[in-house]
């Protein structure tokens, strides 16, 4: 079903954005 697949993709994108932002923040704290 299209809607379920779309929701799953949106959830994955949100999780990826959160993880990447946290990783970038941690790297900035370590390097800076």
PDB file of N, CA and C in Angstrom:
ATOM      1  N   UNK A   1       0.842  -1.188   0.000  1.00  0.00           N
ATOM      2  CA  UNK A   1       0.000   0.000   0.000  1.00  0.00           C
ATOM      3  C   UNK A   1       0.885   1.250   0.000  1.00  0.00           C
ATOM      4  N   UNK A   2       0.494   2.236  -0.795  1.00  0.00           N
ATOM      5  CA  UNK A   2       1.355   3.406  -0.999  1.00  0.00           C
ATOM      6  C   UNK A   2       1.517   4.220   0.286  1.00  0.00           C
ATOM      7  N   UNK A   3       0.403   4.454   0.986  1.00  0.00           N
ATOM      8  CA  UNK A   3       0.467   5.325   2.166  1.00  0.00           C
ATOM      9  C   UNK A   3       1.378   4.728   3.242  1.00  0.00           C
ATOM     10  N   UNK A   4       1.273   3.423   3.461  1.00  0.00           N
ATOM     11  CA  UNK A   4       2.121   2.792   4.477  1.00  0.00           C
ATOM     12  C   UNK A   4       3.591   2.933   4.092  1.00  0.00           C
ATOM     13  N   UNK A   5       3.906   2.663   2.823  1.00  0.00           N
ATOM     14  CA  UNK A   5       5.294   2.775   2.382  1.00  0.00           C
ATOM     15  C   UNK A   5       5.778   4.217   2.546  1.00  0.00           C
ATOM     16  N   UNK A   6       4.920   5.182   2.206  1.00  0.00           N
ATOM     17  CA  UNK A   6       5.300   6.592   2.316  1.00  0.00           C
ATOM     18  C   UNK A   6       5.583   6.955   3.772  1.00  0.00           C
ATOM     19  N   UNK A   7       4.724   6.478   4.673  1.00  0.00           N
ATOM     20  CA  UNK A   7       4.922   6.772   6.102  1.00  0.00           C
ATOM     21  C   UNK A   7       6.230   6.161   6.582  1.00  0.00           C
ATOM     22  N   UNK A   8       6.515   4.937   6.144  1.00  0.00           N
ATOM     23  CA  UNK A   8       7.750   4.279   6.572  1.00  0.00           C
ATOM     24  C   UNK A   8       8.965   5.062   6.091  1.00  0.00           C
ATOM     25  N   UNK A   9       8.909   5.521   4.844  1.00  0.00           N
ATOM     26  CA  UNK A   9      10.028   6.301   4.299  1.00  0.00           C
ATOM     27  C   UNK A   9      10.191   7.603   5.077  1.00  0.00           C
ATOM     28  N   UNK A  10       9.081   8.246   5.424  1.00  0.00           N
ATOM     29  CA  UNK A  10       9.166   9.508   6.168  1.00  0.00           C
ATOM     30  C   UNK A  10       9.779   9.265   7.544  1.00  0.00           C
ATOM     31  N   UNK A  11       9.388   8.159   8.192  1.00  0.00           N
ATOM     32  CA  UNK A  11       9.945   7.847   9.515  1.00  0.00           C
ATOM     33  C   UNK A  11      11.441   7.595   9.411  1.00  0.00           C
ATOM     34  N   UNK A  12      11.854   6.855   8.372  1.00  0.00           N
ATOM     35  CA  UNK A  12      13.284   6.584   8.199  1.00  0.00           C
ATOM     36  C   UNK A  12      14.050   7.883   7.985  1.00  0.00           C
ATOM     37  N   UNK A  13      13.476   8.791   7.172  1.00  0.00           N
ATOM     38  CA  UNK A  13      14.157  10.060   6.901  1.00  0.00           C
ATOM     39  C   UNK A  13      14.285  10.880   8.184  1.00  0.00           C
ATOM     40  N   UNK A  14      13.232  10.898   8.997  1.00  0.00           N
ATOM     41  CA  UNK A  14      13.285  11.664  10.246  1.00  0.00           C
ATOM     42  C   UNK A  14      14.333  11.076  11.192  1.00  0.00           C
ATOM     43  N   UNK A  15      14.373   9.751  11.287  1.00  0.00           N
ATOM     44  CA  UNK A  15      15.363   9.111  12.161  1.00  0.00           C
ATOM     45  C   UNK A  15      16.773   9.402  11.663  1.00  0.00           C
ATOM     46  N   UNK A  16      16.976   9.326  10.341  1.00  0.00           N
ATOM     47  CA  UNK A  16      18.293   9.590   9.770  1.00  0.00           C
ATOM     48  C   UNK A  16      18.715  11.030  10.049  1.00  0.00           C
ATOM     49  N   UNK A  17      17.771  11.972   9.915  1.00  0.00           N
ATOM     50  CA  UNK A  17      18.092  13.382  10.169  1.00  0.00           C
ATOM     51  C   UNK A  17      18.474  13.579  11.637  1.00  0.00           C
ATOM     52  N   UNK A  18      17.734  12.950  12.535  1.00  0.00           N
ATOM     53  CA  UNK A  18      18.033  13.092  13.962  1.00  0.00           C
ATOM     54  C   UNK A  18      19.410  12.513  14.289  1.00  0.00           C
ATOM     55  N   UNK A  19      19.691  11.317  13.782  1.00  0.00           N
ATOM     56  CA  UNK A  19      20.976  10.670  14.069  1.00  0.00           C
ATOM     57  C   UNK A  19      22.126  11.488  13.491  1.00  0.00           C
ATOM     58  N   UNK A  20      21.964  11.961  12.253  1.00  0.00           N
ATOM     59  CA  UNK A  20      23.045  12.721  11.619  1.00  0.00           C
ATOM     60  C   UNK A  20      23.291  14.028  12.366  1.00  0.00           C
ATOM     61  N   UNK A  21      22.211  14.687  12.819  1.00  0.00           N
ATOM     62  CA  UNK A  21      22.386  15.951  13.544  1.00  0.00           C
ATOM     63  C   UNK A  21      23.088  15.697  14.878  1.00  0.00           C
ATOM     64  N   UNK A  22      22.718  14.616  15.560  1.00  0.00           N
ATOM     65  CA  UNK A  22      23.359  14.291  16.839  1.00  0.00           C
ATOM     66  C   UNK A  22      24.836  13.970  16.619  1.00  0.00           C
ATOM     67  N   UNK A  23      25.137  13.226  15.563  1.00  0.00           N
ATOM     68  CA  UNK A  23      26.533  12.870  15.275  1.00  0.00           C
ATOM     69  C   UNK A  23      27.334  14.128  14.956  1.00  0.00           C
ATOM     70  N   UNK A  24      26.759  15.011  14.135  1.00  0.00           N
ATOM     71  CA  UNK A  24      27.466  16.250  13.796  1.00  0.00           C
ATOM     72  C   UNK A  24      27.692  17.092  15.050  1.00  0.00           C
ATOM     73  N   UNK A  25      26.709  17.144  15.943  1.00  0.00           N
ATOM     74  CA  UNK A  25      26.844  17.911  17.184  1.00  0.00           C
ATOM     75  C   UNK A  25      27.960  17.317  18.049  1.00  0.00           C
ATOM     76  N   UNK A  26      28.001  15.991  18.150  1.00  0.00           N
ATOM     77  CA  UNK A  26      29.037  15.341  18.955  1.00  0.00           C
ATOM     78  C   UNK A  26      30.415  15.600  18.354  1.00  0.00           C
ATOM     79  N   UNK A  27      30.526  15.496  17.034  1.00  0.00           N
ATOM     80  CA  UNK A  27      31.817  15.746  16.374  1.00  0.00           C
ATOM     81  C   UNK A  27      32.239  17.194  16.604  1.00  0.00           C
ATOM     82  N   UNK A  28      31.286  18.117  16.535  1.00  0.00           N
ATOM     83  CA  UNK A  28      31.611  19.522  16.768  1.00  0.00           C
ATOM     84  C   UNK A  28      32.095  19.745  18.195  1.00  0.00           C
ATOM     85  N   UNK A  29      31.478  19.082  19.159  1.00  0.00           N
ATOM     86  CA  UNK A  29      31.891  19.242  20.547  1.00  0.00           C
ATOM     87  C   UNK A  29      33.287  18.655  20.763  1.00  0.00           C
ATOM     88  N   UNK A  30      33.572  17.521  20.109  1.00  0.00           N
ATOM     89  CA  UNK A  30      34.879  16.876  20.278  1.00  0.00           C
ATOM     90  C   UNK A  30      35.964  17.697  19.581  1.00  0.00           C
ATOM     91  N   UNK A  31      35.710  18.118  18.363  1.00  0.00           N
ATOM     92  CA  UNK A  31      36.714  18.843  17.587  1.00  0.00           C
ATOM     93  C   UNK A  31      36.875  20.267  18.109  1.00  0.00           C
ATOM     94  N   UNK A  32      35.754  20.910  18.431  1.00  0.00           N
ATOM     95  CA  UNK A  32      35.802  22.305  18.850  1.00  0.00           C
ATOM     96  C   UNK A  32      36.313  22.417  20.270  1.00  0.00           C
TER      97      UNK A  32
END
